[in-house]
N, C-alpha and C. Protein backbone atom coordinates (compact mmCIF):
# COMPACT_ATOMS: atom_id res chain seq x y z
N MET A 1 83.07 -8.44 -5.41
CA MET A 1 84.33 -7.98 -4.84
C MET A 1 84.04 -7.00 -3.70
N ARG A 2 84.69 -7.20 -2.57
CA ARG A 2 84.44 -6.36 -1.41
C ARG A 2 85.33 -5.14 -1.43
N LEU A 3 84.74 -3.98 -1.26
CA LEU A 3 85.52 -2.74 -1.27
C LEU A 3 86.16 -2.51 0.08
N VAL A 4 87.36 -1.97 0.11
CA VAL A 4 87.98 -1.58 1.37
C VAL A 4 87.35 -0.26 1.78
N ASP A 5 87.45 0.08 3.08
CA ASP A 5 86.78 1.26 3.60
C ASP A 5 87.15 2.54 2.87
N SER A 6 88.41 2.64 2.41
CA SER A 6 88.85 3.86 1.75
C SER A 6 88.15 4.08 0.41
N GLU A 7 87.58 2.98 -0.17
CA GLU A 7 86.91 3.10 -1.46
C GLU A 7 85.40 3.35 -1.30
N ARG A 8 84.94 3.21 -0.07
CA ARG A 8 83.51 3.40 0.15
C ARG A 8 83.20 4.86 0.43
N GLU A 9 81.97 5.26 0.10
CA GLU A 9 81.57 6.65 0.33
C GLU A 9 81.37 6.90 1.82
N PRO A 10 81.84 8.06 2.32
CA PRO A 10 81.58 8.40 3.72
C PRO A 10 80.09 8.63 3.92
N LEU A 11 79.59 8.32 5.10
CA LEU A 11 78.15 8.38 5.35
C LEU A 11 77.71 9.64 6.07
N GLY A 12 78.66 10.54 6.37
CA GLY A 12 78.29 11.78 7.05
C GLY A 12 77.94 11.54 8.51
N LEU A 13 77.09 12.40 9.04
CA LEU A 13 76.68 12.28 10.44
C LEU A 13 75.41 11.43 10.53
N VAL A 14 75.51 10.32 11.26
CA VAL A 14 74.38 9.41 11.43
C VAL A 14 73.92 9.45 12.89
N TRP A 15 72.65 9.70 13.07
CA TRP A 15 72.05 9.77 14.41
C TRP A 15 71.47 8.40 14.75
N ILE A 16 71.92 7.82 15.86
CA ILE A 16 71.37 6.56 16.34
C ILE A 16 70.44 6.86 17.50
N ASP A 17 69.15 6.66 17.29
CA ASP A 17 68.13 6.95 18.30
C ASP A 17 67.63 5.61 18.83
N CYS A 18 68.24 5.15 19.91
CA CYS A 18 67.94 3.83 20.44
C CYS A 18 68.06 3.87 21.96
N SER A 19 67.07 3.32 22.65
CA SER A 19 67.08 3.38 24.11
C SER A 19 67.83 2.22 24.76
N TYR A 20 68.33 1.28 23.95
CA TYR A 20 69.06 0.14 24.49
C TYR A 20 70.56 0.31 24.22
N PRO A 21 71.36 0.57 25.26
CA PRO A 21 72.79 0.85 25.07
C PRO A 21 73.56 -0.22 24.30
N VAL A 22 73.26 -1.49 24.55
CA VAL A 22 73.99 -2.57 23.87
C VAL A 22 73.68 -2.56 22.36
N VAL A 23 72.40 -2.37 22.03
CA VAL A 23 71.99 -2.30 20.61
C VAL A 23 72.62 -1.08 19.95
N ALA A 24 72.56 0.06 20.64
CA ALA A 24 73.13 1.30 20.10
C ALA A 24 74.63 1.13 19.84
N ALA A 25 75.32 0.47 20.76
CA ALA A 25 76.77 0.25 20.60
C ALA A 25 77.05 -0.64 19.39
N GLY A 26 76.19 -1.64 19.18
CA GLY A 26 76.36 -2.51 18.02
C GLY A 26 76.15 -1.77 16.71
N LEU A 27 75.14 -0.91 16.68
CA LEU A 27 74.87 -0.11 15.48
C LEU A 27 76.01 0.86 15.22
N LYS A 28 76.53 1.44 16.29
CA LYS A 28 77.67 2.36 16.15
C LYS A 28 78.87 1.62 15.58
N GLY A 29 79.10 0.39 16.07
CA GLY A 29 80.20 -0.41 15.57
C GLY A 29 80.08 -0.73 14.09
N ALA A 30 78.83 -0.91 13.63
CA ALA A 30 78.60 -1.22 12.21
C ALA A 30 79.01 -0.05 11.31
N LEU A 31 78.98 1.16 11.86
CA LEU A 31 79.29 2.36 11.07
C LEU A 31 80.70 2.88 11.29
N GLU A 32 81.45 2.18 12.13
CA GLU A 32 82.81 2.62 12.46
C GLU A 32 83.68 2.76 11.23
N GLY A 33 84.33 3.90 11.12
CA GLY A 33 85.20 4.16 9.98
C GLY A 33 84.47 4.68 8.75
N ARG A 34 83.13 4.65 8.79
CA ARG A 34 82.33 5.10 7.64
C ARG A 34 81.58 6.38 7.93
N ALA A 35 81.26 6.62 9.23
CA ALA A 35 80.40 7.74 9.56
C ALA A 35 80.77 8.34 10.91
N GLU A 36 80.41 9.61 11.07
CA GLU A 36 80.45 10.21 12.40
C GLU A 36 79.11 9.87 13.02
N VAL A 37 79.13 9.33 14.24
CA VAL A 37 77.89 8.84 14.86
C VAL A 37 77.50 9.72 16.04
N HIS A 38 76.22 10.08 16.09
CA HIS A 38 75.68 10.82 17.23
C HIS A 38 74.71 9.92 17.96
N MET A 39 74.92 9.73 19.26
CA MET A 39 74.03 8.90 20.08
C MET A 39 73.13 9.84 20.89
N GLY A 40 71.88 9.47 21.09
CA GLY A 40 70.97 10.32 21.84
C GLY A 40 70.33 11.35 20.94
N ARG A 41 69.74 12.35 21.55
CA ARG A 41 69.00 13.35 20.78
C ARG A 41 69.88 14.54 20.40
N PRO A 42 69.99 14.87 19.11
CA PRO A 42 70.81 16.03 18.72
C PRO A 42 70.25 17.33 19.29
N ALA A 43 71.13 18.22 19.66
CA ALA A 43 70.68 19.53 20.14
C ALA A 43 70.34 20.40 18.95
N ARG A 44 69.36 21.26 19.11
CA ARG A 44 68.94 22.13 18.00
C ARG A 44 70.02 23.16 17.66
N THR A 45 70.98 23.32 18.58
CA THR A 45 72.06 24.28 18.34
C THR A 45 73.23 23.66 17.58
N ASP A 46 73.17 22.35 17.34
CA ASP A 46 74.27 21.69 16.61
C ASP A 46 74.41 22.32 15.23
N THR A 47 75.66 22.60 14.84
CA THR A 47 75.89 23.23 13.54
C THR A 47 75.76 22.24 12.39
N VAL A 48 76.12 20.98 12.64
CA VAL A 48 76.01 19.95 11.60
C VAL A 48 74.82 19.06 11.93
N LEU A 49 73.84 19.03 11.04
CA LEU A 49 72.66 18.20 11.25
C LEU A 49 72.90 16.79 10.73
N PRO A 50 72.33 15.78 11.38
CA PRO A 50 72.50 14.42 10.87
C PRO A 50 71.81 14.26 9.52
N SER A 51 72.48 13.56 8.60
CA SER A 51 71.89 13.33 7.28
C SER A 51 71.10 12.02 7.25
N SER A 52 71.41 11.14 8.21
CA SER A 52 70.72 9.85 8.30
C SER A 52 70.42 9.55 9.76
N ALA A 53 69.40 8.72 9.99
CA ALA A 53 69.06 8.32 11.35
C ALA A 53 68.67 6.85 11.37
N ILE A 54 69.10 6.15 12.40
CA ILE A 54 68.64 4.78 12.65
C ILE A 54 67.77 4.86 13.90
N PHE A 55 66.52 4.50 13.76
CA PHE A 55 65.53 4.68 14.81
C PHE A 55 65.01 3.33 15.30
N ASP A 56 65.29 3.00 16.55
CA ASP A 56 64.76 1.78 17.15
C ASP A 56 63.46 2.13 17.85
N THR A 57 62.34 1.78 17.23
CA THR A 57 61.03 2.18 17.73
C THR A 57 60.56 1.36 18.91
N GLY A 58 61.01 0.11 18.99
CA GLY A 58 60.49 -0.80 20.00
C GLY A 58 59.15 -1.38 19.60
N GLY A 59 58.66 -1.05 18.39
CA GLY A 59 57.37 -1.56 17.91
C GLY A 59 56.59 -0.50 17.17
N VAL A 60 55.41 -0.89 16.66
CA VAL A 60 54.59 0.02 15.87
C VAL A 60 54.10 1.21 16.69
N GLU A 61 53.81 0.96 17.96
CA GLU A 61 53.33 2.03 18.84
C GLU A 61 54.38 3.13 18.93
N GLY A 62 54.04 4.34 18.65
CA GLY A 62 54.99 5.45 18.74
C GLY A 62 55.83 5.66 17.49
N LEU A 63 55.60 4.84 16.46
CA LEU A 63 56.39 4.95 15.23
C LEU A 63 56.18 6.30 14.54
N SER A 64 54.93 6.68 14.36
CA SER A 64 54.62 7.94 13.68
C SER A 64 55.20 9.13 14.44
N GLU A 65 54.99 9.14 15.75
CA GLU A 65 55.49 10.24 16.57
C GLU A 65 57.02 10.31 16.52
N GLY A 66 57.67 9.14 16.55
CA GLY A 66 59.13 9.11 16.51
C GLY A 66 59.69 9.64 15.21
N ILE A 67 59.08 9.24 14.09
CA ILE A 67 59.54 9.71 12.79
C ILE A 67 59.35 11.22 12.66
N GLN A 68 58.22 11.72 13.17
CA GLN A 68 57.99 13.17 13.13
C GLN A 68 59.02 13.91 13.98
N ARG A 69 59.36 13.34 15.14
CA ARG A 69 60.35 13.96 16.02
C ARG A 69 61.72 14.04 15.34
N ILE A 70 62.10 12.98 14.65
CA ILE A 70 63.39 12.96 13.95
C ILE A 70 63.38 13.97 12.81
N ARG A 71 62.27 14.04 12.08
CA ARG A 71 62.16 15.01 10.97
C ARG A 71 62.19 16.45 11.49
N GLY A 72 61.82 16.64 12.76
CA GLY A 72 61.86 17.97 13.35
C GLY A 72 63.28 18.50 13.47
N VAL A 73 64.25 17.60 13.51
CA VAL A 73 65.66 17.99 13.58
C VAL A 73 66.18 18.32 12.18
N ASN A 74 65.79 17.48 11.21
CA ASN A 74 66.20 17.70 9.82
C ASN A 74 65.10 17.13 8.91
N PRO A 75 64.32 17.98 8.25
CA PRO A 75 63.21 17.51 7.41
C PRO A 75 63.65 16.59 6.27
N ASP A 76 64.91 16.72 5.84
CA ASP A 76 65.40 15.92 4.71
C ASP A 76 66.16 14.68 5.14
N ILE A 77 66.11 14.34 6.42
CA ILE A 77 66.89 13.23 6.93
C ILE A 77 66.41 11.89 6.36
N SER A 78 67.35 10.99 6.15
CA SER A 78 67.04 9.65 5.67
C SER A 78 66.89 8.75 6.90
N ILE A 79 65.70 8.17 7.10
CA ILE A 79 65.42 7.40 8.31
C ILE A 79 65.35 5.90 8.01
N LEU A 80 66.11 5.13 8.79
CA LEU A 80 66.03 3.68 8.74
C LEU A 80 65.45 3.21 10.08
N VAL A 81 64.38 2.45 10.03
CA VAL A 81 63.79 1.92 11.25
C VAL A 81 64.43 0.57 11.57
N PHE A 82 64.79 0.39 12.84
CA PHE A 82 65.50 -0.81 13.28
C PHE A 82 64.60 -1.65 14.19
N SER A 83 64.70 -2.97 14.03
CA SER A 83 63.99 -3.89 14.92
C SER A 83 64.91 -5.06 15.24
N LEU A 84 64.65 -5.73 16.35
CA LEU A 84 65.48 -6.89 16.73
C LEU A 84 65.24 -8.08 15.80
N HIS A 85 64.09 -8.12 15.14
CA HIS A 85 63.82 -9.21 14.22
C HIS A 85 63.10 -8.68 12.98
N VAL A 86 62.86 -9.55 12.00
CA VAL A 86 62.18 -9.12 10.77
C VAL A 86 60.69 -8.98 11.07
N ASP A 87 60.29 -7.76 11.37
CA ASP A 87 58.91 -7.44 11.71
C ASP A 87 58.27 -6.77 10.48
N LEU A 88 57.62 -7.57 9.64
CA LEU A 88 57.12 -7.05 8.37
C LEU A 88 55.99 -6.03 8.52
N PRO A 89 55.04 -6.19 9.46
CA PRO A 89 54.05 -5.12 9.65
C PRO A 89 54.69 -3.80 10.07
N LEU A 90 55.72 -3.89 10.92
CA LEU A 90 56.44 -2.68 11.33
C LEU A 90 57.15 -2.05 10.14
N ALA A 91 57.79 -2.88 9.32
CA ALA A 91 58.50 -2.38 8.14
C ALA A 91 57.54 -1.68 7.19
N ARG A 92 56.37 -2.28 6.96
CA ARG A 92 55.39 -1.68 6.05
C ARG A 92 54.90 -0.34 6.60
N ALA A 93 54.60 -0.31 7.91
CA ALA A 93 54.13 0.93 8.53
C ALA A 93 55.20 2.02 8.44
N ALA A 94 56.45 1.63 8.66
CA ALA A 94 57.56 2.60 8.61
C ALA A 94 57.69 3.21 7.22
N LEU A 95 57.62 2.38 6.19
CA LEU A 95 57.75 2.87 4.81
C LEU A 95 56.56 3.77 4.45
N ARG A 96 55.37 3.41 4.92
CA ARG A 96 54.20 4.24 4.66
C ARG A 96 54.33 5.63 5.28
N LEU A 97 55.06 5.68 6.40
CA LEU A 97 55.24 6.96 7.10
C LEU A 97 56.44 7.74 6.59
N GLY A 98 57.10 7.22 5.54
CA GLY A 98 58.18 7.97 4.91
C GLY A 98 59.59 7.57 5.28
N ALA A 99 59.74 6.50 6.08
CA ALA A 99 61.09 6.01 6.35
C ALA A 99 61.68 5.48 5.04
N ARG A 100 63.01 5.55 4.92
CA ARG A 100 63.67 5.09 3.69
C ARG A 100 63.97 3.61 3.72
N GLY A 101 63.84 3.00 4.91
CA GLY A 101 64.13 1.58 4.95
C GLY A 101 63.94 0.95 6.31
N PHE A 102 64.19 -0.35 6.34
CA PHE A 102 64.02 -1.15 7.55
C PHE A 102 65.23 -2.07 7.67
N ILE A 103 65.84 -2.09 8.86
CA ILE A 103 66.97 -2.99 9.11
C ILE A 103 66.70 -3.74 10.41
N HIS A 104 67.40 -4.85 10.61
CA HIS A 104 67.14 -5.66 11.80
C HIS A 104 68.43 -6.28 12.34
N ALA A 105 68.32 -6.83 13.55
CA ALA A 105 69.51 -7.32 14.26
C ALA A 105 70.13 -8.55 13.62
N GLY A 106 69.42 -9.21 12.72
CA GLY A 106 69.97 -10.39 12.06
C GLY A 106 70.90 -10.06 10.89
N MET A 107 71.06 -8.79 10.58
CA MET A 107 71.91 -8.39 9.45
C MET A 107 73.38 -8.32 9.87
N GLU A 108 74.27 -8.51 8.90
CA GLU A 108 75.71 -8.36 9.14
C GLU A 108 76.02 -6.87 9.29
N LEU A 109 77.12 -6.57 9.98
CA LEU A 109 77.48 -5.17 10.21
C LEU A 109 77.68 -4.40 8.91
N ASP A 110 78.34 -5.03 7.93
CA ASP A 110 78.56 -4.30 6.68
C ASP A 110 77.27 -4.11 5.89
N GLN A 111 76.27 -4.99 6.12
CA GLN A 111 74.97 -4.82 5.47
C GLN A 111 74.25 -3.59 6.04
N ILE A 112 74.42 -3.35 7.33
CA ILE A 112 73.78 -2.19 7.96
C ILE A 112 74.41 -0.91 7.43
N ALA A 113 75.74 -0.88 7.33
CA ALA A 113 76.42 0.30 6.79
C ALA A 113 75.99 0.53 5.34
N ARG A 114 75.88 -0.54 4.58
CA ARG A 114 75.45 -0.44 3.18
C ARG A 114 74.01 0.08 3.09
N ALA A 115 73.16 -0.37 4.01
CA ALA A 115 71.77 0.09 4.03
C ALA A 115 71.70 1.59 4.26
N VAL A 116 72.52 2.10 5.18
CA VAL A 116 72.53 3.54 5.45
C VAL A 116 72.97 4.29 4.19
N GLU A 117 73.98 3.76 3.50
CA GLU A 117 74.50 4.40 2.28
C GLU A 117 73.44 4.43 1.17
N VAL A 118 72.76 3.30 0.97
CA VAL A 118 71.74 3.20 -0.08
C VAL A 118 70.55 4.11 0.23
N ALA A 119 70.09 4.11 1.49
CA ALA A 119 68.95 4.95 1.87
C ALA A 119 69.27 6.43 1.71
N ALA A 120 70.52 6.81 2.01
CA ALA A 120 70.93 8.21 1.90
C ALA A 120 70.87 8.70 0.45
N LYS A 121 70.94 7.76 -0.50
CA LYS A 121 70.85 8.11 -1.92
C LYS A 121 69.40 8.19 -2.39
N GLY A 122 68.46 7.95 -1.47
CA GLY A 122 67.05 8.05 -1.82
C GLY A 122 66.39 6.75 -2.20
N GLU A 123 67.13 5.64 -2.10
CA GLU A 123 66.55 4.34 -2.45
C GLU A 123 65.92 3.70 -1.21
N ILE A 124 64.99 2.78 -1.45
CA ILE A 124 64.33 2.07 -0.37
C ILE A 124 65.15 0.84 0.02
N VAL A 125 65.32 0.64 1.32
CA VAL A 125 66.03 -0.52 1.83
C VAL A 125 65.05 -1.35 2.65
N ALA A 126 64.80 -2.59 2.24
CA ALA A 126 63.83 -3.42 2.96
C ALA A 126 64.13 -4.89 2.72
N PRO A 127 63.70 -5.77 3.63
CA PRO A 127 63.90 -7.21 3.44
C PRO A 127 63.19 -7.70 2.19
N ARG A 128 63.76 -8.70 1.53
CA ARG A 128 63.11 -9.25 0.33
C ARG A 128 61.71 -9.79 0.64
N LYS A 129 61.56 -10.33 1.85
CA LYS A 129 60.27 -10.89 2.24
C LYS A 129 59.17 -9.83 2.27
N LEU A 130 59.58 -8.57 2.41
CA LEU A 130 58.58 -7.51 2.53
C LEU A 130 57.76 -7.37 1.25
N LEU A 131 58.37 -7.55 0.09
CA LEU A 131 57.64 -7.42 -1.17
C LEU A 131 56.52 -8.45 -1.22
N GLU A 132 56.83 -9.70 -0.85
CA GLU A 132 55.80 -10.75 -0.84
C GLU A 132 54.70 -10.39 0.16
N TYR A 133 55.11 -9.86 1.30
CA TYR A 133 54.15 -9.49 2.33
C TYR A 133 53.23 -8.36 1.85
N LEU A 134 53.83 -7.37 1.17
CA LEU A 134 53.04 -6.24 0.67
C LEU A 134 52.02 -6.70 -0.36
N ILE A 135 52.44 -7.62 -1.24
CA ILE A 135 51.54 -8.14 -2.27
C ILE A 135 50.38 -8.90 -1.62
N ALA A 136 50.71 -9.69 -0.61
CA ALA A 136 49.70 -10.50 0.07
C ALA A 136 48.76 -9.65 0.92
N ASN A 137 49.24 -8.48 1.36
CA ASN A 137 48.46 -7.66 2.28
C ASN A 137 48.12 -6.28 1.73
N GLU A 138 48.11 -6.15 0.40
CA GLU A 138 47.84 -4.83 -0.16
C GLU A 138 46.37 -4.44 -0.01
N ASP A 139 45.53 -5.42 0.19
CA ASP A 139 44.10 -5.17 0.36
C ASP A 139 43.80 -5.09 1.86
N PRO A 140 42.86 -4.26 2.30
CA PRO A 140 42.51 -4.21 3.70
C PRO A 140 41.91 -5.51 4.23
N ALA A 141 42.17 -6.64 3.55
CA ALA A 141 41.72 -7.93 4.02
C ALA A 141 42.42 -8.33 5.30
N ASP A 142 43.44 -7.56 5.70
CA ASP A 142 44.12 -7.78 6.98
C ASP A 142 43.09 -7.78 8.11
N LEU A 143 41.98 -7.09 7.90
CA LEU A 143 40.95 -7.00 8.93
C LEU A 143 40.43 -8.38 9.31
N ASP A 144 40.50 -9.33 8.38
CA ASP A 144 40.03 -10.68 8.67
C ASP A 144 40.92 -11.37 9.70
N ALA A 145 42.13 -10.85 9.87
CA ALA A 145 43.05 -11.45 10.84
C ALA A 145 42.81 -10.94 12.26
N LEU A 146 41.94 -9.95 12.41
CA LEU A 146 41.64 -9.40 13.73
C LEU A 146 40.67 -10.31 14.49
N THR A 147 40.78 -10.28 15.81
CA THR A 147 39.81 -11.01 16.62
C THR A 147 38.50 -10.24 16.64
N THR A 148 37.43 -10.90 17.08
CA THR A 148 36.12 -10.24 17.16
C THR A 148 36.20 -9.01 18.05
N ARG A 149 36.89 -9.13 19.18
CA ARG A 149 37.02 -8.01 20.11
C ARG A 149 37.80 -6.86 19.48
N GLN A 150 38.86 -7.18 18.76
CA GLN A 150 39.66 -6.13 18.10
C GLN A 150 38.84 -5.38 17.06
N ARG A 151 38.03 -6.11 16.29
CA ARG A 151 37.17 -5.46 15.29
C ARG A 151 36.12 -4.58 15.96
N GLU A 152 35.59 -5.07 17.07
CA GLU A 152 34.59 -4.33 17.83
C GLU A 152 35.17 -3.00 18.33
N ILE A 153 36.38 -3.06 18.87
CA ILE A 153 37.03 -1.85 19.37
C ILE A 153 37.34 -0.90 18.22
N LEU A 154 37.79 -1.46 17.10
CA LEU A 154 38.16 -0.64 15.95
C LEU A 154 36.94 0.07 15.36
N GLN A 155 35.80 -0.60 15.38
CA GLN A 155 34.57 0.04 14.91
C GLN A 155 34.24 1.27 15.74
N LEU A 156 34.45 1.18 17.06
CA LEU A 156 34.18 2.31 17.94
C LEU A 156 35.21 3.42 17.74
N VAL A 157 36.46 3.04 17.47
CA VAL A 157 37.49 4.04 17.15
C VAL A 157 37.06 4.82 15.90
N ALA A 158 36.57 4.09 14.90
CA ALA A 158 36.15 4.73 13.64
C ALA A 158 34.97 5.67 13.86
N GLN A 159 34.20 5.43 14.91
CA GLN A 159 33.07 6.29 15.24
C GLN A 159 33.49 7.48 16.11
N GLY A 160 34.80 7.55 16.41
CA GLY A 160 35.30 8.70 17.16
C GLY A 160 35.35 8.53 18.67
N TYR A 161 35.13 7.31 19.14
CA TYR A 161 35.18 7.06 20.59
C TYR A 161 36.61 7.17 21.11
N SER A 162 36.77 7.70 22.30
CA SER A 162 38.07 7.72 22.97
C SER A 162 38.29 6.36 23.64
N ASN A 163 39.50 6.09 24.10
CA ASN A 163 39.77 4.82 24.79
C ASN A 163 38.89 4.68 26.03
N ALA A 164 38.71 5.78 26.76
CA ALA A 164 37.89 5.75 27.97
C ALA A 164 36.43 5.41 27.63
N GLN A 165 35.93 6.00 26.54
CA GLN A 165 34.55 5.74 26.13
C GLN A 165 34.38 4.29 25.68
N ILE A 166 35.39 3.78 24.96
CA ILE A 166 35.35 2.37 24.51
C ILE A 166 35.33 1.45 25.72
N ALA A 167 36.18 1.76 26.70
CA ALA A 167 36.26 0.93 27.92
C ALA A 167 34.91 0.87 28.63
N ARG A 168 34.25 2.02 28.74
CA ARG A 168 32.94 2.06 29.40
C ARG A 168 31.88 1.30 28.59
N THR A 169 31.91 1.47 27.29
CA THR A 169 30.92 0.83 26.42
C THR A 169 31.03 -0.69 26.45
N LEU A 170 32.29 -1.19 26.45
CA LEU A 170 32.50 -2.64 26.36
C LEU A 170 32.80 -3.28 27.72
N PHE A 171 32.70 -2.48 28.78
CA PHE A 171 32.96 -2.98 30.14
C PHE A 171 34.37 -3.58 30.26
N LEU A 172 35.34 -2.84 29.75
CA LEU A 172 36.75 -3.24 29.82
C LEU A 172 37.52 -2.16 30.56
N SER A 173 38.74 -2.48 30.97
CA SER A 173 39.60 -1.43 31.54
C SER A 173 40.23 -0.67 30.37
N GLU A 174 40.62 0.56 30.63
CA GLU A 174 41.26 1.36 29.59
C GLU A 174 42.57 0.72 29.15
N SER A 175 43.27 0.10 30.11
CA SER A 175 44.53 -0.59 29.81
C SER A 175 44.31 -1.74 28.83
N THR A 176 43.22 -2.47 29.01
CA THR A 176 42.89 -3.59 28.11
C THR A 176 42.58 -3.08 26.70
N VAL A 177 41.87 -1.96 26.63
CA VAL A 177 41.57 -1.35 25.33
C VAL A 177 42.87 -0.99 24.61
N LYS A 178 43.80 -0.38 25.33
CA LYS A 178 45.09 0.00 24.74
C LYS A 178 45.86 -1.21 24.24
N GLN A 179 45.82 -2.30 25.02
CA GLN A 179 46.51 -3.54 24.61
C GLN A 179 45.90 -4.08 23.32
N HIS A 180 44.58 -4.08 23.23
CA HIS A 180 43.91 -4.55 22.01
C HIS A 180 44.28 -3.66 20.82
N LEU A 181 44.35 -2.35 21.03
CA LEU A 181 44.68 -1.44 19.94
C LEU A 181 46.12 -1.65 19.47
N ARG A 182 47.05 -1.84 20.41
CA ARG A 182 48.45 -2.09 20.02
C ARG A 182 48.55 -3.33 19.14
N ALA A 183 47.83 -4.39 19.55
CA ALA A 183 47.84 -5.64 18.77
C ALA A 183 47.20 -5.42 17.41
N THR A 184 46.14 -4.61 17.37
CA THR A 184 45.44 -4.31 16.11
C THR A 184 46.35 -3.56 15.15
N TYR A 185 47.09 -2.55 15.66
CA TYR A 185 48.00 -1.78 14.80
C TYR A 185 49.04 -2.70 14.16
N LYS A 186 49.54 -3.64 14.95
CA LYS A 186 50.57 -4.54 14.45
C LYS A 186 50.02 -5.44 13.33
N VAL A 187 48.82 -5.96 13.54
CA VAL A 187 48.20 -6.83 12.52
C VAL A 187 47.96 -6.05 11.23
N LEU A 188 47.49 -4.81 11.36
CA LEU A 188 47.15 -4.01 10.19
C LEU A 188 48.35 -3.31 9.55
N GLY A 189 49.47 -3.27 10.28
CA GLY A 189 50.65 -2.58 9.74
C GLY A 189 50.47 -1.08 9.71
N VAL A 190 49.76 -0.55 10.70
CA VAL A 190 49.56 0.90 10.79
C VAL A 190 50.19 1.40 12.08
N SER A 191 50.27 2.71 12.22
CA SER A 191 50.97 3.26 13.38
C SER A 191 50.08 3.95 14.39
N ASP A 192 48.84 4.28 14.01
CA ASP A 192 47.99 4.96 14.97
C ASP A 192 46.51 4.71 14.68
N ARG A 193 45.64 5.22 15.55
CA ARG A 193 44.20 4.96 15.46
C ARG A 193 43.58 5.57 14.21
N LYS A 194 44.13 6.69 13.73
CA LYS A 194 43.56 7.32 12.52
C LYS A 194 43.71 6.41 11.31
N GLU A 195 44.93 5.85 11.15
CA GLU A 195 45.17 4.95 10.01
C GLU A 195 44.32 3.69 10.12
N ALA A 196 44.22 3.16 11.35
CA ALA A 196 43.42 1.95 11.55
C ALA A 196 41.95 2.22 11.25
N ALA A 197 41.45 3.36 11.69
CA ALA A 197 40.06 3.73 11.46
C ALA A 197 39.76 3.88 9.97
N LYS A 198 40.73 4.41 9.22
CA LYS A 198 40.56 4.58 7.76
C LYS A 198 40.35 3.23 7.10
N LEU A 199 41.11 2.22 7.55
CA LEU A 199 41.00 0.90 6.95
C LEU A 199 39.61 0.31 7.16
N ILE A 200 39.11 0.41 8.38
CA ILE A 200 37.82 -0.22 8.66
C ILE A 200 36.67 0.61 8.08
N SER A 201 36.89 1.92 7.95
CA SER A 201 35.85 2.78 7.35
C SER A 201 35.70 2.50 5.87
N GLY A 202 36.80 2.08 5.23
CA GLY A 202 36.77 1.84 3.80
C GLY A 202 36.37 0.42 3.45
N ARG A 203 36.08 -0.36 4.49
CA ARG A 203 35.72 -1.77 4.27
C ARG A 203 34.39 -1.88 3.55
């Protein structure tokens, strides 16, 4: 049975952190009548802090930094990471970094509002496929999915090399090294070089 809006719990102040205006407007529409929505970055002088946040990362790169930035506004905030599609490595990385859930553009508007409500209560919100993915990828065997070049770069990262040092060692451009690392993070479901290095060090 579908509840009418008056029977649903109010969601408080929800911060939508998204650089795409059309996507942000759609997310705002999903919360209409249920929450007060703040678009953009909250000011530190705001008297009412957001209790929930929807964060469109644009990918694994910058995920850790983004979550830390949001927590800087409110350490107890409930964070939902948003993606345009079901990106399971991104979802896993987000949950590992303390996000309460993962939502995507394929969801119905009322499902997104429900996800914010459930996450605010401290429960995890994630696609059903994620459980199967986590079971299949719980072992650092993800490393087998890396290319030879990606493993080579990751070994140097684990040894403490900077991107510039890796580029010189392997006769690559620094930009190419960064591209390989971004692809590596996505395969491994991690957000930065430290997490990736831990995986290969424990191999």
